[in-house]
Amino acid sequence: MLMDAFFEASAVPPTRRRRVHFHEFMLEVHSRVHQHRQAKLEGDALLSVASKVAAEAQLLCFDEFQVRDVGDAMLMNRLFGRMFDRGVTMVATSNRPPEDLYAGGLQRELFEPFIHRVKERCLVHRLGSEVDYRQAGEQADRTWMVGADPRSRAAALEAAWRRVAGASDGTPSTLSTQGRTIRVPRGVSAAGGRPSACVFSFKDLCQEPRGAADFIVIARAFDVVMLSDVPPMTLSERNEVRRFITLVDVLYEQRTKLVVSAARPLERIFEARYREPGEDRFAAAPAAAAEKPSASAAAANSDEAFAFDRCTSRLMEMGSSEYLGTDA
């Protein structure tokens, strides 16, 4: 929300400013570097791409600046060094200060020059507030539906489908990204004022090897994404948690609507703890975990723990009347 306000108020001409999710930006950089090499163009591919980005935008606004991929980490210093030298101004939001980016990552010593560069070229502001303004909006009904068993969750999601798609049952289809095919189990195109919509299971998107590129293609193809059978998640499901958070971030950035059927209420879908051996994932949370603990108390150095609360508040905003009233 703060980034929205800043970007809209910026005096930089609209054609010279750009706001983009950091995941999407890095995917674009890798794609352009690949195209440069495939075309066998002269010069350093990465620096050439950085120069082109600088020529396209004087102001770059990044939402959720985070570095998890070693491939991204290794090129950050040269990429941003060239963009800064060409006059690009970067404004970014992040869960962590620069010195904590890519903490514990492979070959982090090669990433540290980028941290020093950011500290030299950027002002770091620590924002703190007792109020989460994402949760302050009026909440709309029926975007996060809780069911104690699979049948009740399926019935709730089917009712949501009918509200969006009307009489259409939808059909399977496929999407393509980076040489891969994404199977859409059920989808419907926009028609007669009706939005385009699709249905995926949590397993389809978060238990399979998916990434931001896949989610971006889905978000751009559909106005409404319905996600079924979202289970409780803990730090034991690290990969699932990361994919789910990335999915939410991408849908939010693309202003795509999200409808979820889940085993628990939104405020209890994340638990910043490790699952006990043999614990039933869909059973009620243990007594000690009934109250959602703070992420820092459970795992102070975990990126996932830091992201839990932000993702929850973002999901609350995505269920608000204000968000649902925006255009995808």
C-alpha atoms as a PDB file:
ATOM      1  CA  MET A   1       0.000   0.000   0.000  1.00  0.00           C
ATOM      2  CA  LEU A   2       2.851   2.388   0.826  1.00  0.00           C
ATOM      3  CA  MET A   3       4.571   1.534  -2.444  1.00  0.00           C
ATOM      4  CA  ASP A   4       1.303   2.125  -4.317  1.00  0.00           C
ATOM      5  CA  ALA A   5       1.035   5.606  -2.809  1.00  0.00           C
ATOM      6  CA  PHE A   6       4.670   6.482  -3.506  1.00  0.00           C
ATOM      7  CA  PHE A   7       4.557   5.287  -7.100  1.00  0.00           C
ATOM      8  CA  GLU A   8       1.378   7.178  -7.931  1.00  0.00           C
ATOM      9  CA  ALA A   9       2.704  10.380  -6.329  1.00  0.00           C
ATOM     10  CA  SER A  10       6.110  10.236  -8.047  1.00  0.00           C
ATOM     11  CA  ALA A  11       7.041  13.222 -10.208  1.00  0.00           C
ATOM     12  CA  VAL A  12       8.918  10.946 -12.620  1.00  0.00           C
ATOM     13  CA  PRO A  13       6.976  10.743 -15.922  1.00  0.00           C
ATOM     14  CA  PRO A  14       4.900   7.548 -16.210  1.00  0.00           C
ATOM     15  CA  THR A  15       6.904   6.397 -19.230  1.00  0.00           C
ATOM     16  CA  ARG A  16      10.120   6.630 -17.201  1.00  0.00           C
ATOM     17  CA  ARG A  17       9.017   4.838 -14.044  1.00  0.00           C
ATOM     18  CA  ARG A  18       8.241   1.205 -13.442  1.00  0.00           C
ATOM     19  CA  ARG A  19       6.870  -0.790 -10.554  1.00  0.00           C
ATOM     20  CA  VAL A  20       7.447  -4.532 -10.612  1.00  0.00           C
ATOM     21  CA  HIS A  21       7.643  -7.447  -8.210  1.00  0.00           C
ATOM     22  CA  PHE A  22      11.267  -8.388  -7.662  1.00  0.00           C
ATOM     23  CA  HIS A  23      10.637 -12.018  -8.687  1.00  0.00           C
ATOM     24  CA  GLU A  24       9.246 -10.878 -12.028  1.00  0.00           C
ATOM     25  CA  PHE A  25      12.076  -8.429 -12.636  1.00  0.00           C
ATOM     26  CA  MET A  26      14.786 -11.038 -12.123  1.00  0.00           C
ATOM     27  CA  LEU A  27      12.993 -13.527 -14.372  1.00  0.00           C
ATOM     28  CA  GLU A  28      12.911 -10.838 -17.043  1.00  0.00           C
ATOM     29  CA  VAL A  29      16.630 -10.139 -16.602  1.00  0.00           C
ATOM     30  CA  HIS A  30      17.526 -13.817 -16.984  1.00  0.00           C
ATOM     31  CA  SER A  31      15.321 -14.061 -20.085  1.00  0.00           C
ATOM     32  CA  ARG A  32      16.894 -11.005 -21.710  1.00  0.00           C
ATOM     33  CA  VAL A  33      20.406 -12.234 -20.934  1.00  0.00           C
ATOM     34  CA  HIS A  34      19.505 -15.562 -22.553  1.00  0.00           C
ATOM     35  CA  GLN A  35      18.135 -13.804 -25.643  1.00  0.00           C
ATOM     36  CA  HIS A  36      21.310 -11.712 -25.934  1.00  0.00           C
ATOM     37  CA  ARG A  37      23.474 -14.827 -25.853  1.00  0.00           C
ATOM     38  CA  GLN A  38      21.245 -16.754 -28.245  1.00  0.00           C
ATOM     39  CA  ALA A  39      21.501 -13.902 -30.736  1.00  0.00           C
ATOM     40  CA  LYS A  40      25.315 -13.991 -30.334  1.00  0.00           C
ATOM     41  CA  LEU A  41      25.420 -10.236 -29.819  1.00  0.00           C
ATOM     42  CA  GLU A  42      28.674  -8.540 -28.918  1.00  0.00           C
ATOM     43  CA  GLY A  43      29.511  -7.341 -25.437  1.00  0.00           C
ATOM     44  CA  ASP A  44      28.758  -8.530 -21.930  1.00  0.00           C
ATOM     45  CA  ALA A  45      25.175  -9.843 -21.921  1.00  0.00           C
ATOM     46  CA  LEU A  46      24.381  -8.842 -18.333  1.00  0.00           C
ATOM     47  CA  LEU A  47      25.795  -5.333 -18.614  1.00  0.00           C
ATOM     48  CA  SER A  48      24.007  -4.846 -21.927  1.00  0.00           C
ATOM     49  CA  VAL A  49      20.688  -5.809 -20.338  1.00  0.00           C
ATOM     50  CA  ALA A  50      21.375  -3.536 -17.355  1.00  0.00           C
ATOM     51  CA  SER A  51      22.025  -0.620 -19.711  1.00  0.00           C
ATOM     52  CA  LYS A  52      18.789  -1.284 -21.578  1.00  0.00           C
ATOM     53  CA  VAL A  53      16.811  -1.413 -18.327  1.00  0.00           C
ATOM     54  CA  ALA A  54      18.350   1.924 -17.330  1.00  0.00           C
ATOM     55  CA  ALA A  55      17.380   3.426 -20.681  1.00  0.00           C
ATOM     56  CA  GLU A  56      13.792   2.280 -20.176  1.00  0.00           C
ATOM     57  CA  ALA A  57      13.215   3.474 -16.615  1.00  0.00           C
ATOM     58  CA  GLN A  58      14.672   6.218 -14.467  1.00  0.00           C
ATOM     59  CA  LEU A  59      12.780   4.981 -11.400  1.00  0.00           C
ATOM     60  CA  LEU A  60      12.460   1.299 -10.496  1.00  0.00           C
ATOM     61  CA  CYS A  61      10.128   0.364  -7.651  1.00  0.00           C
ATOM     62  CA  PHE A  62      10.462  -3.177  -6.319  1.00  0.00           C
ATOM     63  CA  ASP A  63       7.937  -4.801  -4.046  1.00  0.00           C
ATOM     64  CA  GLU A  64       9.224  -7.578  -1.753  1.00  0.00           C
ATOM     65  CA  PHE A  65      12.948  -7.285  -2.475  1.00  0.00           C
ATOM     66  CA  GLN A  66      14.334 -10.653  -1.408  1.00  0.00           C
ATOM     67  CA  VAL A  67      17.120 -12.873  -2.683  1.00  0.00           C
ATOM     68  CA  ARG A  68      16.873 -16.643  -2.325  1.00  0.00           C
ATOM     69  CA  ASP A  69      18.252 -17.957  -5.602  1.00  0.00           C
ATOM     70  CA  VAL A  70      22.014 -18.361  -5.965  1.00  0.00           C
ATOM     71  CA  GLY A  71      21.725 -17.532  -9.670  1.00  0.00           C
ATOM     72  CA  ASP A  72      20.192 -14.155  -8.824  1.00  0.00           C
ATOM     73  CA  ALA A  73      22.652 -13.508  -6.000  1.00  0.00           C
ATOM     74  CA  MET A  74      25.712 -13.980  -8.200  1.00  0.00           C
ATOM     75  CA  LEU A  75      24.725 -11.311 -10.718  1.00  0.00           C
ATOM     76  CA  MET A  76      23.170  -8.669  -8.458  1.00  0.00           C
ATOM     77  CA  ASN A  77      26.263  -6.522  -7.897  1.00  0.00           C
ATOM     78  CA  ARG A  78      27.143  -6.146 -11.572  1.00  0.00           C
ATOM     79  CA  LEU A  79      23.507  -5.721 -12.640  1.00  0.00           C
ATOM     80  CA  PHE A  80      22.630  -3.015 -10.143  1.00  0.00           C
ATOM     81  CA  GLY A  81      26.070  -1.428 -10.327  1.00  0.00           C
ATOM     82  CA  ARG A  82      25.554  -0.711 -14.018  1.00  0.00           C
ATOM     83  CA  MET A  83      21.970   0.496 -13.473  1.00  0.00           C
ATOM     84  CA  PHE A  84      23.023   2.833 -10.650  1.00  0.00           C
ATOM     85  CA  ASP A  85      25.886   4.177 -12.778  1.00  0.00           C
ATOM     86  CA  ARG A  86      23.376   4.902 -15.552  1.00  0.00           C
ATOM     87  CA  GLY A  87      21.234   7.003 -13.227  1.00  0.00           C
ATOM     88  CA  VAL A  88      18.546   4.565 -12.109  1.00  0.00           C
ATOM     89  CA  THR A  89      16.906   5.297  -8.759  1.00  0.00           C
ATOM     90  CA  MET A  90      15.711   2.229  -6.873  1.00  0.00           C
ATOM     91  CA  VAL A  91      12.968   2.231  -4.257  1.00  0.00           C
ATOM     92  CA  ALA A  92      12.227  -1.130  -2.664  1.00  0.00           C
ATOM     93  CA  THR A  93      10.302  -2.717   0.166  1.00  0.00           C
ATOM     94  CA  SER A  94      11.770  -5.694   1.990  1.00  0.00           C
ATOM     95  CA  ASN A  95      11.266  -7.770   5.107  1.00  0.00           C
ATOM     96  CA  ARG A  96      14.947  -7.502   5.893  1.00  0.00           C
ATOM     97  CA  PRO A  97      17.640  -4.797   6.004  1.00  0.00           C
ATOM     98  CA  PRO A  98      20.348  -5.027   3.325  1.00  0.00           C
ATOM     99  CA  GLU A  99      22.844  -6.747   5.611  1.00  0.00           C
ATOM    100  CA  ASP A 100      20.415  -9.638   6.175  1.00  0.00           C
ATOM    101  CA  LEU A 101      19.604 -10.293   2.513  1.00  0.00           C
ATOM    102  CA  TYR A 102      20.526 -13.774   1.278  1.00  0.00           C
ATOM    103  CA  ALA A 103      21.508 -14.742   4.824  1.00  0.00           C
ATOM    104  CA  GLY A 104      22.894 -18.271   4.885  1.00  0.00           C
ATOM    105  CA  GLY A 105      22.856 -18.493   1.091  1.00  0.00           C
ATOM    106  CA  LEU A 106      25.390 -20.411  -0.995  1.00  0.00           C
ATOM    107  CA  GLN A 107      28.564 -18.438  -1.731  1.00  0.00           C
ATOM    108  CA  ARG A 108      27.208 -15.469   0.185  1.00  0.00           C
ATOM    109  CA  GLU A 109      30.651 -13.875   0.260  1.00  0.00           C
ATOM    110  CA  LEU A 110      30.221 -13.211  -3.465  1.00  0.00           C
ATOM    111  CA  PHE A 111      26.933 -11.439  -2.724  1.00  0.00           C
ATOM    112  CA  GLU A 112      28.341  -9.143  -0.046  1.00  0.00           C
ATOM    113  CA  PRO A 113      29.677  -6.502  -2.493  1.00  0.00           C
ATOM    114  CA  PHE A 114      26.069  -5.903  -3.530  1.00  0.00           C
ATOM    115  CA  ILE A 115      25.121  -5.278   0.106  1.00  0.00           C
ATOM    116  CA  HIS A 116      27.901  -2.692   0.390  1.00  0.00           C
ATOM    117  CA  ARG A 117      26.774  -1.062  -2.852  1.00  0.00           C
ATOM    118  CA  VAL A 118      23.173  -0.783  -1.648  1.00  0.00           C
ATOM    119  CA  LYS A 119      24.314   0.810   1.609  1.00  0.00           C
ATOM    120  CA  GLU A 120      26.422   3.307  -0.329  1.00  0.00           C
ATOM    121  CA  ARG A 121      23.764   4.210  -2.892  1.00  0.00           C
ATOM    122  CA  CYS A 122      20.492   3.900  -0.973  1.00  0.00           C
ATOM    123  CA  LEU A 123      18.934   5.352   2.165  1.00  0.00           C
ATOM    124  CA  VAL A 124      17.547   2.620   4.394  1.00  0.00           C
ATOM    125  CA  HIS A 125      14.400   3.442   6.369  1.00  0.00           C
ATOM    126  CA  ARG A 126      13.079   1.058   8.990  1.00  0.00           C
ATOM    127  CA  LEU A 127       9.309   1.279   9.086  1.00  0.00           C
ATOM    128  CA  GLY A 128       7.467   0.272  12.209  1.00  0.00           C
ATOM    129  CA  SER A 129       3.820   0.594  13.137  1.00  0.00           C
ATOM    130  CA  GLU A 130       1.412  -0.939  15.596  1.00  0.00           C
ATOM    131  CA  VAL A 131      -1.237  -0.891  12.868  1.00  0.00           C
ATOM    132  CA  ASP A 132      -1.272  -3.290   9.913  1.00  0.00           C
ATOM    133  CA  TYR A 133      -3.153  -1.181   7.389  1.00  0.00           C
ATOM    134  CA  ARG A 134      -3.676  -4.173   5.117  1.00  0.00           C
ATOM    135  CA  GLN A 135      -6.007  -5.540   7.758  1.00  0.00           C
ATOM    136  CA  ALA A 136      -7.843  -2.259   8.263  1.00  0.00           C
ATOM    137  CA  GLY A 137     -10.053  -2.485   5.172  1.00  0.00           C
ATOM    138  CA  GLU A 138     -13.594  -3.767   5.206  1.00  0.00           C
ATOM    139  CA  GLN A 139     -13.507  -7.539   4.755  1.00  0.00           C
ATOM    140  CA  ALA A 140     -15.572  -9.086   1.986  1.00  0.00           C
ATOM    141  CA  ASP A 141     -17.145 -12.491   2.484  1.00  0.00           C
ATOM    142  CA  ARG A 142     -16.436 -15.783   0.790  1.00  0.00           C
ATOM    143  CA  THR A 143     -12.814 -15.454  -0.361  1.00  0.00           C
ATOM    144  CA  TRP A 144     -11.291 -17.709   2.322  1.00  0.00           C
ATOM    145  CA  MET A 145     -13.614 -20.624   2.983  1.00  0.00           C
ATOM    146  CA  VAL A 146     -12.966 -23.083   5.792  1.00  0.00           C
ATOM    147  CA  GLY A 147     -14.169 -26.687   5.769  1.00  0.00           C
ATOM    148  CA  ALA A 148     -13.492 -29.420   8.293  1.00  0.00           C
ATOM    149  CA  ASP A 149     -13.455 -32.149   5.640  1.00  0.00           C
ATOM    150  CA  PRO A 150     -12.731 -32.422   1.888  1.00  0.00           C
ATOM    151  CA  ARG A 151     -16.415 -32.638   0.914  1.00  0.00           C
ATOM    152  CA  SER A 152     -17.379 -29.423   2.662  1.00  0.00           C
ATOM    153  CA  ARG A 153     -14.377 -27.630   1.161  1.00  0.00           C
ATOM    154  CA  ALA A 154     -15.251 -28.906  -2.318  1.00  0.00           C
ATOM    155  CA  ALA A 155     -18.863 -27.765  -1.940  1.00  0.00           C
ATOM    156  CA  ALA A 156     -17.788 -24.300  -0.817  1.00  0.00           C
ATOM    157  CA  LEU A 157     -15.387 -23.908  -3.722  1.00  0.00           C
ATOM    158  CA  GLU A 158     -17.990 -25.132  -6.204  1.00  0.00           C
ATOM    159  CA  ALA A 159     -20.412 -22.508  -4.913  1.00  0.00           C
ATOM    160  CA  ALA A 160     -17.712 -19.868  -5.380  1.00  0.00           C
ATOM    161  CA  TRP A 161     -17.125 -21.114  -8.930  1.00  0.00           C
ATOM    162  CA  ARG A 162     -20.807 -20.738  -9.750  1.00  0.00           C
ATOM    163  CA  ARG A 163     -20.819 -17.177  -8.424  1.00  0.00           C
ATOM    164  CA  VAL A 164     -17.957 -16.310 -10.773  1.00  0.00           C
ATOM    165  CA  ALA A 165     -18.495 -18.548 -13.818  1.00  0.00           C
ATOM    166  CA  GLY A 166     -22.266 -18.940 -13.768  1.00  0.00           C
ATOM    167  CA  ALA A 167     -23.512 -21.990 -15.646  1.00  0.00           C
ATOM    168  CA  SER A 168     -20.158 -22.724 -17.269  1.00  0.00           C
ATOM    169  CA  ASP A 169     -18.471 -25.870 -15.971  1.00  0.00           C
ATOM    170  CA  GLY A 170     -15.123 -24.793 -17.367  1.00  0.00           C
ATOM    171  CA  THR A 171     -12.674 -26.928 -19.321  1.00  0.00           C
ATOM    172  CA  PRO A 172      -9.068 -28.090 -18.921  1.00  0.00           C
ATOM    173  CA  SER A 173      -6.416 -26.138 -20.795  1.00  0.00           C
ATOM    174  CA  THR A 174      -2.675 -25.558 -20.852  1.00  0.00           C
ATOM    175  CA  LEU A 175      -0.362 -22.577 -20.474  1.00  0.00           C
ATOM    176  CA  SER A 176       3.278 -22.382 -21.522  1.00  0.00           C
ATOM    177  CA  THR A 177       6.241 -20.706 -19.864  1.00  0.00           C
ATOM    178  CA  GLN A 178       9.968 -21.038 -20.429  1.00  0.00           C
ATOM    179  CA  GLY A 179       9.565 -24.262 -22.355  1.00  0.00           C
ATOM    180  CA  ARG A 180       7.326 -25.869 -19.740  1.00  0.00           C
ATOM    181  CA  THR A 181       3.613 -26.635 -19.879  1.00  0.00           C
ATOM    182  CA  ILE A 182       1.230 -25.831 -17.043  1.00  0.00           C
ATOM    183  CA  ARG A 183      -1.954 -27.875 -17.011  1.00  0.00           C
ATOM    184  CA  VAL A 184      -4.995 -25.869 -15.906  1.00  0.00           C
ATOM    185  CA  PRO A 185      -7.467 -28.435 -14.498  1.00  0.00           C
ATOM    186  CA  ARG A 186     -10.485 -26.169 -14.904  1.00  0.00           C
ATOM    187  CA  GLY A 187     -10.800 -22.771 -16.482  1.00  0.00           C
ATOM    188  CA  VAL A 188     -13.208 -20.411 -18.174  1.00  0.00           C
ATOM    189  CA  SER A 189     -12.552 -17.397 -20.394  1.00  0.00           C
ATOM    190  CA  ALA A 190     -13.950 -13.942 -19.801  1.00  0.00           C
ATOM    191  CA  ALA A 191     -17.266 -13.388 -21.561  1.00  0.00           C
ATOM    192  CA  GLY A 192     -20.267 -11.097 -21.270  1.00  0.00           C
ATOM    193  CA  GLY A 193     -18.915  -9.216 -18.289  1.00  0.00           C
ATOM    194  CA  ARG A 194     -17.915 -12.436 -16.563  1.00  0.00           C
ATOM    195  CA  PRO A 195     -14.250 -12.615 -15.472  1.00  0.00           C
ATOM    196  CA  SER A 196     -11.887 -15.373 -16.534  1.00  0.00           C
ATOM    197  CA  ALA A 197     -11.312 -17.905 -13.773  1.00  0.00           C
ATOM    198  CA  CYS A 198      -9.442 -21.111 -13.018  1.00  0.00           C
ATOM    199  CA  VAL A 199      -9.214 -23.748 -10.306  1.00  0.00           C
ATOM    200  CA  PHE A 200      -6.040 -25.382  -9.033  1.00  0.00           C
ATOM    201  CA  SER A 201      -5.421 -27.547  -6.016  1.00  0.00           C
ATOM    202  CA  PHE A 202      -2.789 -26.649  -3.438  1.00  0.00           C
ATOM    203  CA  LYS A 203      -0.961 -29.785  -4.553  1.00  0.00           C
ATOM    204  CA  ASP A 204      -0.924 -28.590  -8.179  1.00  0.00           C
ATOM    205  CA  LEU A 205       0.795 -25.308  -7.389  1.00  0.00           C
ATOM    206  CA  CYS A 206       2.629 -25.676  -4.090  1.00  0.00           C
ATOM    207  CA  GLN A 207       3.619 -29.321  -3.796  1.00  0.00           C
ATOM    208  CA  GLU A 208       4.978 -29.509  -7.334  1.00  0.00           C
ATOM    209  CA  PRO A 209       8.230 -27.837  -8.488  1.00  0.00           C
ATOM    210  CA  ARG A 210       6.670 -24.499  -9.430  1.00  0.00           C
ATOM    211  CA  GLY A 211       8.199 -21.053  -9.376  1.00  0.00           C
ATOM    212  CA  ALA A 212       7.386 -17.395  -9.872  1.00  0.00           C
ATOM    213  CA  ALA A 213       7.479 -17.728 -13.673  1.00  0.00           C
ATOM    214  CA  ASP A 214       4.655 -20.276 -13.558  1.00  0.00           C
ATOM    215  CA  PHE A 215       2.560 -18.148 -11.221  1.00  0.00           C
ATOM    216  CA  ILE A 216       3.040 -15.018 -13.329  1.00  0.00           C
ATOM    217  CA  VAL A 217       1.698 -16.814 -16.416  1.00  0.00           C
ATOM    218  CA  ILE A 218      -1.346 -18.002 -14.452  1.00  0.00           C
ATOM    219  CA  ALA A 219      -1.991 -14.564 -12.954  1.00  0.00           C
ATOM    220  CA  ARG A 220      -1.856 -12.916 -16.365  1.00  0.00           C
ATOM    221  CA  ALA A 221      -4.159 -15.499 -17.927  1.00  0.00           C
ATOM    222  CA  PHE A 222      -6.969 -15.354 -15.346  1.00  0.00           C
ATOM    223  CA  ASP A 223      -8.803 -12.658 -13.403  1.00  0.00           C
ATOM    224  CA  VAL A 224      -9.728 -15.060 -10.595  1.00  0.00           C
ATOM    225  CA  VAL A 225      -7.654 -17.961  -9.268  1.00  0.00           C
ATOM    226  CA  MET A 226      -9.349 -20.514  -7.009  1.00  0.00           C
ATOM    227  CA  LEU A 227      -7.112 -22.675  -4.841  1.00  0.00           C
ATOM    228  CA  SER A 228      -8.511 -25.783  -3.191  1.00  0.00           C
ATOM    229  CA  ASP A 229      -7.557 -27.711  -0.065  1.00  0.00           C
ATOM    230  CA  VAL A 230      -4.934 -25.426   1.443  1.00  0.00           C
ATOM    231  CA  PRO A 231      -3.574 -27.317   4.470  1.00  0.00           C
ATOM    232  CA  PRO A 232      -2.052 -25.939   7.651  1.00  0.00           C
ATOM    233  CA  MET A 233       1.603 -25.105   7.065  1.00  0.00           C
ATOM    234  CA  THR A 234       4.575 -25.101   9.411  1.00  0.00           C
ATOM    235  CA  LEU A 235       8.298 -24.620   9.003  1.00  0.00           C
ATOM    236  CA  SER A 236       8.503 -28.355   8.311  1.00  0.00           C
ATOM    237  CA  GLU A 237       6.896 -27.692   4.913  1.00  0.00           C
ATOM    238  CA  ARG A 238       9.527 -25.153   3.884  1.00  0.00           C
ATOM    239  CA  ASN A 239       9.236 -25.644   0.114  1.00  0.00           C
ATOM    240  CA  GLU A 240       5.436 -25.549   0.162  1.00  0.00           C
ATOM    241  CA  VAL A 241       5.498 -22.416   2.291  1.00  0.00           C
ATOM    242  CA  ARG A 242       7.883 -20.659  -0.079  1.00  0.00           C
ATOM    243  CA  ARG A 243       5.785 -21.538  -3.117  1.00  0.00           C
ATOM    244  CA  PHE A 244       2.555 -20.459  -1.448  1.00  0.00           C
ATOM    245  CA  ILE A 245       4.034 -17.125  -0.376  1.00  0.00           C
ATOM    246  CA  THR A 246       5.440 -16.565  -3.864  1.00  0.00           C
ATOM    247  CA  LEU A 247       2.051 -17.404  -5.383  1.00  0.00           C
ATOM    248  CA  VAL A 248       0.305 -14.883  -3.129  1.00  0.00           C
ATOM    249  CA  ASP A 249       2.917 -12.220  -3.905  1.00  0.00           C
ATOM    250  CA  VAL A 250       2.545 -12.705  -7.660  1.00  0.00           C
ATOM    251  CA  LEU A 251      -1.262 -12.697  -7.599  1.00  0.00           C
ATOM    252  CA  TYR A 252      -1.232  -9.567  -5.455  1.00  0.00           C
ATOM    253  CA  GLU A 253       1.189  -7.747  -7.733  1.00  0.00           C
ATOM    254  CA  GLN A 254      -0.900  -8.651 -10.794  1.00  0.00           C
ATOM    255  CA  ARG A 255      -4.090  -7.621  -8.919  1.00  0.00           C
ATOM    256  CA  THR A 256      -5.552 -11.089  -9.508  1.00  0.00           C
ATOM    257  CA  LYS A 257      -8.397 -12.183  -7.232  1.00  0.00           C
ATOM    258  CA  LEU A 258      -7.815 -15.238  -5.039  1.00  0.00           C
ATOM    259  CA  VAL A 259     -10.476 -17.563  -3.619  1.00  0.00           C
ATOM    260  CA  VAL A 260      -9.324 -20.296  -1.232  1.00  0.00           C
ATOM    261  CA  SER A 261     -10.806 -23.362   0.406  1.00  0.00           C
ATOM    262  CA  ALA A 262      -8.764 -24.304   3.454  1.00  0.00           C
ATOM    263  CA  ALA A 263      -8.652 -26.563   6.461  1.00  0.00           C
ATOM    264  CA  ARG A 264      -8.300 -23.660   8.891  1.00  0.00           C
ATOM    265  CA  PRO A 265      -9.145 -19.959   9.160  1.00  0.00           C
ATOM    266  CA  LEU A 266      -6.667 -17.604   7.510  1.00  0.00           C
ATOM    267  CA  GLU A 267      -5.168 -16.387  10.772  1.00  0.00           C
ATOM    268  CA  ARG A 268      -4.317 -19.977  11.716  1.00  0.00           C
ATOM    269  CA  ILE A 269      -3.078 -21.358   8.398  1.00  0.00           C
ATOM    270  CA  PHE A 270       0.555 -20.602   9.280  1.00  0.00           C
ATOM    271  CA  GLU A 271       2.293 -21.874  12.403  1.00  0.00           C
ATOM    272  CA  ALA A 272       5.872 -20.743  12.987  1.00  0.00           C
ATOM    273  CA  ARG A 273       6.978 -24.077  14.424  1.00  0.00           C
ATOM    274  CA  TYR A 274       8.140 -27.499  13.277  1.00  0.00           C
ATOM    275  CA  ARG A 275       5.627 -30.303  12.981  1.00  0.00           C
ATOM    276  CA  GLU A 276       5.852 -33.099  15.548  1.00  0.00           C
ATOM    277  CA  PRO A 277       6.789 -36.578  14.210  1.00  0.00           C
ATOM    278  CA  GLY A 278       3.642 -38.470  13.248  1.00  0.00           C
ATOM    279  CA  GLU A 279       1.405 -35.420  13.703  1.00  0.00           C
ATOM    280  CA  ASP A 280      -1.716 -35.416  11.511  1.00  0.00           C
ATOM    281  CA  ARG A 281      -1.400 -32.387   9.285  1.00  0.00           C
ATOM    282  CA  PHE A 282      -5.140 -31.788   9.071  1.00  0.00           C
ATOM    283  CA  ALA A 283      -5.856 -32.407  12.755  1.00  0.00           C
ATOM    284  CA  ALA A 284      -6.442 -29.588  15.195  1.00  0.00           C
ATOM    285  CA  ALA A 285      -3.261 -27.789  16.187  1.00  0.00           C
ATOM    286  CA  PRO A 286      -1.595 -28.976  19.401  1.00  0.00           C
ATOM    287  CA  ALA A 287      -2.575 -27.004  22.474  1.00  0.00           C
ATOM    288  CA  ALA A 288       0.790 -25.287  22.573  1.00  0.00           C
ATOM    289  CA  ALA A 289       0.267 -24.070  19.012  1.00  0.00           C
ATOM    290  CA  ALA A 290      -3.384 -23.039  19.306  1.00  0.00           C
ATOM    291  CA  GLU A 291      -2.317 -19.418  19.620  1.00  0.00           C
ATOM    292  CA  LYS A 292      -0.264 -18.389  16.606  1.00  0.00           C
ATOM    293  CA  PRO A 293       3.236 -17.642  17.937  1.00  0.00           C
ATOM    294  CA  SER A 294       5.344 -14.781  16.690  1.00  0.00           C
ATOM    295  CA  ALA A 295       7.651 -15.732  13.853  1.00  0.00           C
ATOM    296  CA  SER A 296      10.698 -14.308  15.592  1.00  0.00           C
ATOM    297  CA  ALA A 297      10.111 -16.371  18.718  1.00  0.00           C
ATOM    298  CA  ALA A 298       9.947 -19.607  16.747  1.00  0.00           C
ATOM    299  CA  ALA A 299      12.688 -19.113  14.184  1.00  0.00           C
ATOM    300  CA  ALA A 300      14.383 -15.734  14.264  1.00  0.00           C
ATOM    301  CA  ASN A 301      16.655 -16.468  11.310  1.00  0.00           C
ATOM    302  CA  SER A 302      14.102 -18.093   9.020  1.00  0.00           C
ATOM    303  CA  ASP A 303      12.987 -16.271   5.873  1.00  0.00           C
ATOM    304  CA  GLU A 304       9.783 -18.275   5.980  1.00  0.00           C
ATOM    305  CA  ALA A 305       9.041 -17.191   9.535  1.00  0.00           C
ATOM    306  CA  PHE A 306       9.586 -13.550   8.602  1.00  0.00           C
ATOM    307  CA  ALA A 307       7.259 -13.971   5.639  1.00  0.00           C
ATOM    308  CA  PHE A 308       4.393 -15.658   7.524  1.00  0.00           C
ATOM    309  CA  ASP A 309       2.888 -12.535   9.038  1.00  0.00           C
ATOM    310  CA  ARG A 310       3.347 -10.465   5.879  1.00  0.00           C
ATOM    311  CA  CYS A 311       1.649 -13.103   3.747  1.00  0.00           C
ATOM    312  CA  THR A 312      -1.243 -13.382   6.193  1.00  0.00           C
ATOM    313  CA  SER A 313      -1.850  -9.646   6.195  1.00  0.00           C
ATOM    314  CA  ARG A 314      -1.554  -9.553   2.410  1.00  0.00           C
ATOM    315  CA  LEU A 315      -4.183 -12.291   2.134  1.00  0.00           C
ATOM    316  CA  MET A 316      -6.437 -10.280   4.424  1.00  0.00           C
ATOM    317  CA  GLU A 317      -6.055  -7.292   2.134  1.00  0.00           C
ATOM    318  CA  MET A 318      -6.820  -9.490  -0.888  1.00  0.00           C
ATOM    319  CA  GLY A 319     -10.097 -10.421   0.779  1.00  0.00           C
ATOM    320  CA  SER A 320     -11.059  -6.802   1.395  1.00  0.00           C
ATOM    321  CA  SER A 321     -13.788  -4.993  -0.499  1.00  0.00           C
ATOM    322  CA  GLU A 322     -11.209  -2.432  -1.623  1.00  0.00           C
ATOM    323  CA  TYR A 323      -8.981  -5.050  -3.264  1.00  0.00           C
ATOM    324  CA  LEU A 324     -11.836  -7.008  -4.786  1.00  0.00           C
ATOM    325  CA  GLY A 325     -13.125  -3.817  -6.344  1.00  0.00           C
ATOM    326  CA  THR A 326      -9.885  -3.230  -8.264  1.00  0.00           C
ATOM    327  CA  ASP A 327      -9.347  -4.264 -11.858  1.00  0.00           C
ATOM    328  CA  ALA A 328      -7.124  -7.271 -12.456  1.00  0.00           C
END
